[in-house]
Amino acid sequence: MTASFLIAFVVGGLICVIGQLLFDVAKLSPGHTLCLLVVSGAVLDGFGLYEPLIDFAGAGATIPITSFGNSLTHGALQEAEKHGIVGVITGMFEVTSSGISAAILFGFIASLLFRSKGRP
């Protein structure tokens, strides 16, 4: 059990190190880095490589933003098999809708509770 925690920590940490290197070395903006990590998760899932990573690292692979790309692609591919081209679009939203809804809700609540630094 301790080994699984260590593996999750190392894999999740390596994903975060890649993101930090994109900031510091490649001088990418946060938006570019975010998109690159999401797309890399989607591409890895498209090639069938992200699920084995999840099986190996557990939360170390499911918590970072790369798993959002994995979820988008995974849902789109599953629904495309059932419903064709329409399933590609509906599958992405079906799998990720709870995470997107939570982000919107908590962002709204935070905007009500806190003032931004640029606002008087």
C-alpha atoms as a PDB file:
ATOM      1  CA  MET A   1       0.000   0.000   0.000  1.00  0.00           C
ATOM      2  CA  THR A   2       2.817   2.416   0.787  1.00  0.00           C
ATOM      3  CA  ALA A   3       4.358   1.666  -2.594  1.00  0.00           C
ATOM      4  CA  SER A   4       1.158   2.726  -4.369  1.00  0.00           C
ATOM      5  CA  PHE A   5       1.232   6.075  -2.543  1.00  0.00           C
ATOM      6  CA  LEU A   6       4.849   6.570  -3.545  1.00  0.00           C
ATOM      7  CA  ILE A   7       4.158   5.690  -7.196  1.00  0.00           C
ATOM      8  CA  ALA A   8       1.172   8.083  -7.284  1.00  0.00           C
ATOM      9  CA  PHE A   9       3.284  10.828  -5.723  1.00  0.00           C
ATOM     10  CA  VAL A  10       6.154  10.359  -8.165  1.00  0.00           C
ATOM     11  CA  VAL A  11       3.984  10.156 -11.296  1.00  0.00           C
ATOM     12  CA  GLY A  12       1.816  13.115 -10.265  1.00  0.00           C
ATOM     13  CA  GLY A  13       4.956  15.033  -9.362  1.00  0.00           C
ATOM     14  CA  LEU A  14       6.535  14.301 -12.731  1.00  0.00           C
ATOM     15  CA  ILE A  15       3.456  15.613 -14.528  1.00  0.00           C
ATOM     16  CA  CYS A  16       3.668  18.770 -12.421  1.00  0.00           C
ATOM     17  CA  VAL A  17       7.396  19.088 -13.127  1.00  0.00           C
ATOM     18  CA  ILE A  18       6.662  18.941 -16.850  1.00  0.00           C
ATOM     19  CA  GLY A  19       4.135  21.749 -16.415  1.00  0.00           C
ATOM     20  CA  GLN A  20       6.590  23.819 -14.391  1.00  0.00           C
ATOM     21  CA  LEU A  21       9.316  23.317 -16.999  1.00  0.00           C
ATOM     22  CA  LEU A  22       6.915  24.531 -19.669  1.00  0.00           C
ATOM     23  CA  PHE A  23       6.464  27.710 -17.599  1.00  0.00           C
ATOM     24  CA  ASP A  24      10.096  28.289 -16.678  1.00  0.00           C
ATOM     25  CA  VAL A  25      12.149  26.928 -19.574  1.00  0.00           C
ATOM     26  CA  ALA A  26       9.810  27.186 -22.562  1.00  0.00           C
ATOM     27  CA  LYS A  27       8.341  30.461 -21.226  1.00  0.00           C
ATOM     28  CA  LEU A  28       4.801  29.370 -22.111  1.00  0.00           C
ATOM     29  CA  SER A  29       1.867  31.231 -20.629  1.00  0.00           C
ATOM     30  CA  PRO A  30      -0.423  29.465 -18.153  1.00  0.00           C
ATOM     31  CA  GLY A  31      -3.097  29.117 -20.835  1.00  0.00           C
ATOM     32  CA  HIS A  32      -0.690  27.540 -23.314  1.00  0.00           C
ATOM     33  CA  THR A  33       0.636  25.171 -20.666  1.00  0.00           C
ATOM     34  CA  LEU A  34      -2.871  24.176 -19.610  1.00  0.00           C
ATOM     35  CA  CYS A  35      -3.894  23.463 -23.205  1.00  0.00           C
ATOM     36  CA  LEU A  36      -0.724  21.505 -23.889  1.00  0.00           C
ATOM     37  CA  LEU A  37      -1.223  19.287 -20.829  1.00  0.00           C
ATOM     38  CA  VAL A  38      -4.910  18.675 -21.618  1.00  0.00           C
ATOM     39  CA  VAL A  39      -4.117  17.852 -25.252  1.00  0.00           C
ATOM     40  CA  SER A  40      -1.264  15.554 -24.228  1.00  0.00           C
ATOM     41  CA  GLY A  41      -3.665  13.625 -21.967  1.00  0.00           C
ATOM     42  CA  ALA A  42      -6.134  13.385 -24.849  1.00  0.00           C
ATOM     43  CA  VAL A  43      -3.474  12.167 -27.274  1.00  0.00           C
ATOM     44  CA  LEU A  44      -2.175   9.593 -24.805  1.00  0.00           C
ATOM     45  CA  ASP A  45      -5.710   8.295 -24.327  1.00  0.00           C
ATOM     46  CA  GLY A  46      -6.249   8.216 -28.088  1.00  0.00           C
ATOM     47  CA  PHE A  47      -3.257   5.914 -28.408  1.00  0.00           C
ATOM     48  CA  GLY A  48      -4.447   3.813 -25.466  1.00  0.00           C
ATOM     49  CA  LEU A  49      -1.561   4.826 -23.203  1.00  0.00           C
ATOM     50  CA  TYR A  50      -3.316   6.810 -20.476  1.00  0.00           C
ATOM     51  CA  GLU A  51      -5.437   3.993 -19.027  1.00  0.00           C
ATOM     52  CA  PRO A  52      -2.336   1.847 -18.308  1.00  0.00           C
ATOM     53  CA  LEU A  53      -0.801   4.929 -16.651  1.00  0.00           C
ATOM     54  CA  ILE A  54      -3.908   5.265 -14.461  1.00  0.00           C
ATOM     55  CA  ASP A  55      -3.727   1.562 -13.599  1.00  0.00           C
ATOM     56  CA  PHE A  56      -0.067   2.004 -12.635  1.00  0.00           C
ATOM     57  CA  ALA A  57      -0.172   5.360 -10.825  1.00  0.00           C
ATOM     58  CA  GLY A  58      -3.765   5.712  -9.628  1.00  0.00           C
ATOM     59  CA  ALA A  59      -4.431   9.204  -8.295  1.00  0.00           C
ATOM     60  CA  GLY A  60      -1.025  10.334  -9.540  1.00  0.00           C
ATOM     61  CA  ALA A  61      -2.462  10.131 -13.058  1.00  0.00           C
ATOM     62  CA  THR A  62      -6.112  11.007 -12.387  1.00  0.00           C
ATOM     63  CA  ILE A  63      -5.651  14.215 -10.368  1.00  0.00           C
ATOM     64  CA  PRO A  64      -3.458  16.340 -12.725  1.00  0.00           C
ATOM     65  CA  ILE A  65      -5.053  18.279 -15.590  1.00  0.00           C
ATOM     66  CA  THR A  66      -3.871  15.695 -18.123  1.00  0.00           C
ATOM     67  CA  SER A  67      -6.675  13.441 -16.925  1.00  0.00           C
ATOM     68  CA  PHE A  68      -9.217  16.009 -18.144  1.00  0.00           C
ATOM     69  CA  GLY A  69      -7.975  15.450 -21.703  1.00  0.00           C
ATOM     70  CA  ASN A  70      -8.123  11.736 -21.043  1.00  0.00           C
ATOM     71  CA  SER A  71     -11.743  12.038 -19.883  1.00  0.00           C
ATOM     72  CA  LEU A  72     -12.739  14.110 -22.900  1.00  0.00           C
ATOM     73  CA  THR A  73     -11.242  11.657 -25.364  1.00  0.00           C
ATOM     74  CA  HIS A  74     -12.405   8.583 -23.484  1.00  0.00           C
ATOM     75  CA  GLY A  75     -16.006   9.805 -23.365  1.00  0.00           C
ATOM     76  CA  ALA A  76     -15.967  10.876 -26.994  1.00  0.00           C
ATOM     77  CA  LEU A  77     -14.610   7.529 -28.201  1.00  0.00           C
ATOM     78  CA  GLN A  78     -17.082   5.514 -26.119  1.00  0.00           C
ATOM     79  CA  GLU A  79     -20.101   7.469 -27.331  1.00  0.00           C
ATOM     80  CA  ALA A  80     -18.827   7.538 -30.922  1.00  0.00           C
ATOM     81  CA  GLU A  81     -18.969   3.737 -30.948  1.00  0.00           C
ATOM     82  CA  LYS A  82     -22.622   3.853 -29.844  1.00  0.00           C
ATOM     83  CA  HIS A  83     -24.000   6.925 -31.647  1.00  0.00           C
ATOM     84  CA  GLY A  84     -21.542   7.821 -34.397  1.00  0.00           C
ATOM     85  CA  ILE A  85     -20.409  11.389 -34.989  1.00  0.00           C
ATOM     86  CA  VAL A  86     -23.050  12.891 -32.668  1.00  0.00           C
ATOM     87  CA  GLY A  87     -21.683  10.713 -29.880  1.00  0.00           C
ATOM     88  CA  VAL A  88     -18.286  12.410 -30.172  1.00  0.00           C
ATOM     89  CA  ILE A  89     -19.760  15.704 -29.037  1.00  0.00           C
ATOM     90  CA  THR A  90     -22.228  14.369 -26.479  1.00  0.00           C
ATOM     91  CA  GLY A  91     -19.694  11.941 -25.000  1.00  0.00           C
ATOM     92  CA  MET A  92     -17.230  14.679 -24.127  1.00  0.00           C
ATOM     93  CA  PHE A  93     -19.828  16.604 -22.154  1.00  0.00           C
ATOM     94  CA  GLU A  94     -21.455  13.570 -20.593  1.00  0.00           C
ATOM     95  CA  VAL A  95     -18.252  12.424 -18.920  1.00  0.00           C
ATOM     96  CA  THR A  96     -16.888  15.837 -17.898  1.00  0.00           C
ATOM     97  CA  SER A  97     -20.077  17.772 -17.113  1.00  0.00           C
ATOM     98  CA  SER A  98     -19.887  17.285 -13.346  1.00  0.00           C
ATOM     99  CA  GLY A  99     -16.333  18.649 -13.180  1.00  0.00           C
ATOM    100  CA  ILE A 100     -17.157  21.606 -15.391  1.00  0.00           C
ATOM    101  CA  SER A 101     -20.319  22.362 -13.401  1.00  0.00           C
ATOM    102  CA  ALA A 102     -18.420  22.206 -10.110  1.00  0.00           C
ATOM    103  CA  ALA A 103     -15.733  24.568 -11.441  1.00  0.00           C
ATOM    104  CA  ILE A 104     -18.366  27.088 -12.539  1.00  0.00           C
ATOM    105  CA  LEU A 105     -20.296  26.839  -9.272  1.00  0.00           C
ATOM    106  CA  PHE A 106     -17.254  27.175  -6.999  1.00  0.00           C
ATOM    107  CA  GLY A 107     -15.845  29.980  -9.159  1.00  0.00           C
ATOM    108  CA  PHE A 108     -19.122  31.862  -8.784  1.00  0.00           C
ATOM    109  CA  ILE A 109     -19.198  31.309  -5.011  1.00  0.00           C
ATOM    110  CA  ALA A 110     -15.585  32.489  -4.715  1.00  0.00           C
ATOM    111  CA  SER A 111     -16.414  35.616  -6.735  1.00  0.00           C
ATOM    112  CA  LEU A 112     -19.195  36.442  -4.271  1.00  0.00           C
ATOM    113  CA  LEU A 113     -17.030  35.895  -1.199  1.00  0.00           C
ATOM    114  CA  PHE A 114     -13.765  37.556  -2.254  1.00  0.00           C
ATOM    115  CA  ARG A 115     -12.778  40.770  -3.990  1.00  0.00           C
ATOM    116  CA  SER A 116     -10.267  40.734  -6.821  1.00  0.00           C
ATOM    117  CA  LYS A 117      -7.059  42.723  -6.336  1.00  0.00           C
ATOM    118  CA  GLY A 118      -7.797  45.000  -9.283  1.00  0.00           C
ATOM    119  CA  ARG A 119     -11.314  45.898  -8.138  1.00  0.00           C
ATOM    120  CA  PRO A 120     -11.837  48.855  -5.749  1.00  0.00           C
END
